[in-house]
């Protein structure tokens, strides 16, 4: 019986921890959208939306999955999605250059 209670309790703790992570991820998403001037567009997305979910989003998904009917809002959202891809690429280039410099400097 005690083992069963521990299992139930650990499942509850794990679930609430997962829920907290989702809430944190969504809070970061909301702050990001507000910083980019898109606080009014948060209403289109579910409470579980995170930046990780936003990055692979396409314009078609904005329309069909999230119901963003306003073309101007879709354009605004896609602009920051595109920016995030460019930032990811430049970060990857910086990391690659940094690795190359470290490699050459190690000789």
C-alpha atoms as a PDB file:
ATOM      1  CA  UNK A   1       0.000   0.000   0.000  1.00  0.00           C
ATOM      2  CA  UNK A   2       2.788   2.438   0.891  1.00  0.00           C
ATOM      3  CA  UNK A   3       4.506   1.737  -2.441  1.00  0.00           C
ATOM      4  CA  UNK A   4       1.272   2.467  -4.324  1.00  0.00           C
ATOM      5  CA  UNK A   5       0.886   5.775  -2.485  1.00  0.00           C
ATOM      6  CA  UNK A   6       4.469   6.735  -3.392  1.00  0.00           C
ATOM      7  CA  UNK A   7       3.842   5.898  -7.055  1.00  0.00           C
ATOM      8  CA  UNK A   8       0.644   7.930  -7.116  1.00  0.00           C
ATOM      9  CA  UNK A   9       2.359  10.801  -5.329  1.00  0.00           C
ATOM     10  CA  UNK A  10       5.375  10.747  -7.692  1.00  0.00           C
ATOM     11  CA  UNK A  11       3.042  10.702 -10.722  1.00  0.00           C
ATOM     12  CA  UNK A  12       1.245  13.742  -9.298  1.00  0.00           C
ATOM     13  CA  UNK A  13       4.543  15.565  -8.702  1.00  0.00           C
ATOM     14  CA  UNK A  14       5.768  14.720 -12.218  1.00  0.00           C
ATOM     15  CA  UNK A  15       2.533  15.878 -13.808  1.00  0.00           C
ATOM     16  CA  UNK A  16       2.479  19.150 -11.907  1.00  0.00           C
ATOM     17  CA  UNK A  17       6.142  19.690 -12.774  1.00  0.00           C
ATOM     18  CA  UNK A  18       5.315  19.161 -16.465  1.00  0.00           C
ATOM     19  CA  UNK A  19       2.418  21.584 -16.145  1.00  0.00           C
ATOM     20  CA  UNK A  20       4.722  24.165 -14.562  1.00  0.00           C
ATOM     21  CA  UNK A  21       7.161  23.774 -17.460  1.00  0.00           C
ATOM     22  CA  UNK A  22       4.347  24.357 -19.950  1.00  0.00           C
ATOM     23  CA  UNK A  23       3.241  27.451 -18.030  1.00  0.00           C
ATOM     24  CA  UNK A  24       6.810  28.793 -17.976  1.00  0.00           C
ATOM     25  CA  UNK A  25       7.198  28.103 -21.687  1.00  0.00           C
ATOM     26  CA  UNK A  26       3.956  29.911 -22.428  1.00  0.00           C
ATOM     27  CA  UNK A  27       4.945  32.863 -20.235  1.00  0.00           C
ATOM     28  CA  UNK A  28       8.195  33.180 -22.192  1.00  0.00           C
ATOM     29  CA  UNK A  29       6.203  32.998 -25.438  1.00  0.00           C
ATOM     30  CA  UNK A  30       3.864  35.781 -24.269  1.00  0.00           C
ATOM     31  CA  UNK A  31       6.766  38.020 -23.192  1.00  0.00           C
ATOM     32  CA  UNK A  32       8.527  37.398 -26.518  1.00  0.00           C
ATOM     33  CA  UNK A  33       5.388  38.303 -28.467  1.00  0.00           C
ATOM     34  CA  UNK A  34       4.921  41.468 -26.398  1.00  0.00           C
ATOM     35  CA  UNK A  35       8.569  42.471 -26.892  1.00  0.00           C
ATOM     36  CA  UNK A  36       8.136  42.074 -30.653  1.00  0.00           C
ATOM     37  CA  UNK A  37       4.978  44.234 -30.611  1.00  0.00           C
ATOM     38  CA  UNK A  38       2.658  41.259 -31.116  1.00  0.00           C
ATOM     39  CA  UNK A  39       0.993  41.113 -27.719  1.00  0.00           C
ATOM     40  CA  UNK A  40      -2.367  41.508 -29.439  1.00  0.00           C
ATOM     41  CA  UNK A  41      -1.705  38.315 -31.447  1.00  0.00           C
ATOM     42  CA  UNK A  42      -1.271  36.057 -28.411  1.00  0.00           C
ATOM     43  CA  UNK A  43      -5.042  35.527 -28.447  1.00  0.00           C
ATOM     44  CA  UNK A  44      -4.716  33.288 -31.510  1.00  0.00           C
ATOM     45  CA  UNK A  45      -2.620  30.675 -29.733  1.00  0.00           C
ATOM     46  CA  UNK A  46      -3.457  28.053 -27.098  1.00  0.00           C
ATOM     47  CA  UNK A  47      -2.270  28.419 -23.501  1.00  0.00           C
ATOM     48  CA  UNK A  48       0.277  25.675 -24.157  1.00  0.00           C
ATOM     49  CA  UNK A  49       2.018  27.610 -26.977  1.00  0.00           C
ATOM     50  CA  UNK A  50       5.771  28.014 -26.584  1.00  0.00           C
ATOM     51  CA  UNK A  51       8.538  29.567 -28.656  1.00  0.00           C
ATOM     52  CA  UNK A  52       9.572  26.064 -29.650  1.00  0.00           C
ATOM     53  CA  UNK A  53       6.090  25.505 -31.069  1.00  0.00           C
ATOM     54  CA  UNK A  54       6.127  28.851 -32.875  1.00  0.00           C
ATOM     55  CA  UNK A  55       9.439  28.399 -34.721  1.00  0.00           C
ATOM     56  CA  UNK A  56       8.315  25.669 -37.160  1.00  0.00           C
ATOM     57  CA  UNK A  57       4.913  27.306 -37.748  1.00  0.00           C
ATOM     58  CA  UNK A  58       3.988  28.063 -41.357  1.00  0.00           C
ATOM     59  CA  UNK A  59       1.637  30.709 -42.676  1.00  0.00           C
ATOM     60  CA  UNK A  60      -0.788  27.971 -43.682  1.00  0.00           C
ATOM     61  CA  UNK A  61      -0.823  26.640 -40.102  1.00  0.00           C
ATOM     62  CA  UNK A  62      -1.482  30.128 -38.782  1.00  0.00           C
ATOM     63  CA  UNK A  63      -4.616  30.182 -40.896  1.00  0.00           C
ATOM     64  CA  UNK A  64      -5.831  26.592 -40.541  1.00  0.00           C
ATOM     65  CA  UNK A  65      -4.570  25.461 -37.133  1.00  0.00           C
ATOM     66  CA  UNK A  66      -4.621  28.721 -35.176  1.00  0.00           C
ATOM     67  CA  UNK A  67      -7.399  30.553 -37.021  1.00  0.00           C
ATOM     68  CA  UNK A  68      -5.445  33.723 -37.810  1.00  0.00           C
ATOM     69  CA  UNK A  69      -7.860  35.086 -40.418  1.00  0.00           C
ATOM     70  CA  UNK A  70      -6.338  38.572 -40.554  1.00  0.00           C
ATOM     71  CA  UNK A  71      -3.670  38.603 -43.294  1.00  0.00           C
ATOM     72  CA  UNK A  72      -1.823  41.518 -41.674  1.00  0.00           C
ATOM     73  CA  UNK A  73      -1.537  39.603 -38.385  1.00  0.00           C
ATOM     74  CA  UNK A  74      -0.300  36.504 -40.241  1.00  0.00           C
ATOM     75  CA  UNK A  75       2.344  38.629 -41.961  1.00  0.00           C
ATOM     76  CA  UNK A  76       3.436  40.182 -38.667  1.00  0.00           C
ATOM     77  CA  UNK A  77       3.722  36.775 -36.997  1.00  0.00           C
ATOM     78  CA  UNK A  78       5.555  35.227 -39.940  1.00  0.00           C
ATOM     79  CA  UNK A  79       8.030  38.104 -39.896  1.00  0.00           C
ATOM     80  CA  UNK A  80       9.155  37.197 -36.370  1.00  0.00           C
ATOM     81  CA  UNK A  81       9.189  33.477 -37.244  1.00  0.00           C
ATOM     82  CA  UNK A  82      11.491  34.285 -40.179  1.00  0.00           C
ATOM     83  CA  UNK A  83      13.640  36.498 -37.924  1.00  0.00           C
ATOM     84  CA  UNK A  84      14.009  33.668 -35.435  1.00  0.00           C
ATOM     85  CA  UNK A  85      15.240  31.380 -38.220  1.00  0.00           C
ATOM     86  CA  UNK A  86      17.808  33.975 -39.310  1.00  0.00           C
ATOM     87  CA  UNK A  87      18.935  34.423 -35.690  1.00  0.00           C
ATOM     88  CA  UNK A  88      19.310  30.638 -35.361  1.00  0.00           C
ATOM     89  CA  UNK A  89      21.426  30.543 -38.523  1.00  0.00           C
ATOM     90  CA  UNK A  90      23.657  33.409 -37.405  1.00  0.00           C
ATOM     91  CA  UNK A  91      24.066  31.768 -33.976  1.00  0.00           C
ATOM     92  CA  UNK A  92      25.054  28.525 -35.696  1.00  0.00           C
ATOM     93  CA  UNK A  93      27.558  30.400 -37.887  1.00  0.00           C
ATOM     94  CA  UNK A  94      29.064  32.093 -34.822  1.00  0.00           C
ATOM     95  CA  UNK A  95      29.343  28.727 -33.029  1.00  0.00           C
ATOM     96  CA  UNK A  96      30.938  27.158 -36.117  1.00  0.00           C
ATOM     97  CA  UNK A  97      33.446  30.004 -36.481  1.00  0.00           C
ATOM     98  CA  UNK A  98      34.193  29.840 -32.765  1.00  0.00           C
ATOM     99  CA  UNK A  99      34.820  26.089 -32.990  1.00  0.00           C
ATOM    100  CA  UNK A 100      37.046  26.575 -36.028  1.00  0.00           C
ATOM    101  CA  UNK A 101      39.054  29.280 -34.233  1.00  0.00           C
ATOM    102  CA  UNK A 102      39.465  27.051 -31.194  1.00  0.00           C
ATOM    103  CA  UNK A 103      40.533  24.169 -33.425  1.00  0.00           C
ATOM    104  CA  UNK A 104      43.163  26.217 -35.252  1.00  0.00           C
ATOM    105  CA  UNK A 105      44.388  27.875 -32.067  1.00  0.00           C
ATOM    106  CA  UNK A 106      44.899  24.534 -30.370  1.00  0.00           C
ATOM    107  CA  UNK A 107      47.801  23.643 -32.697  1.00  0.00           C
END
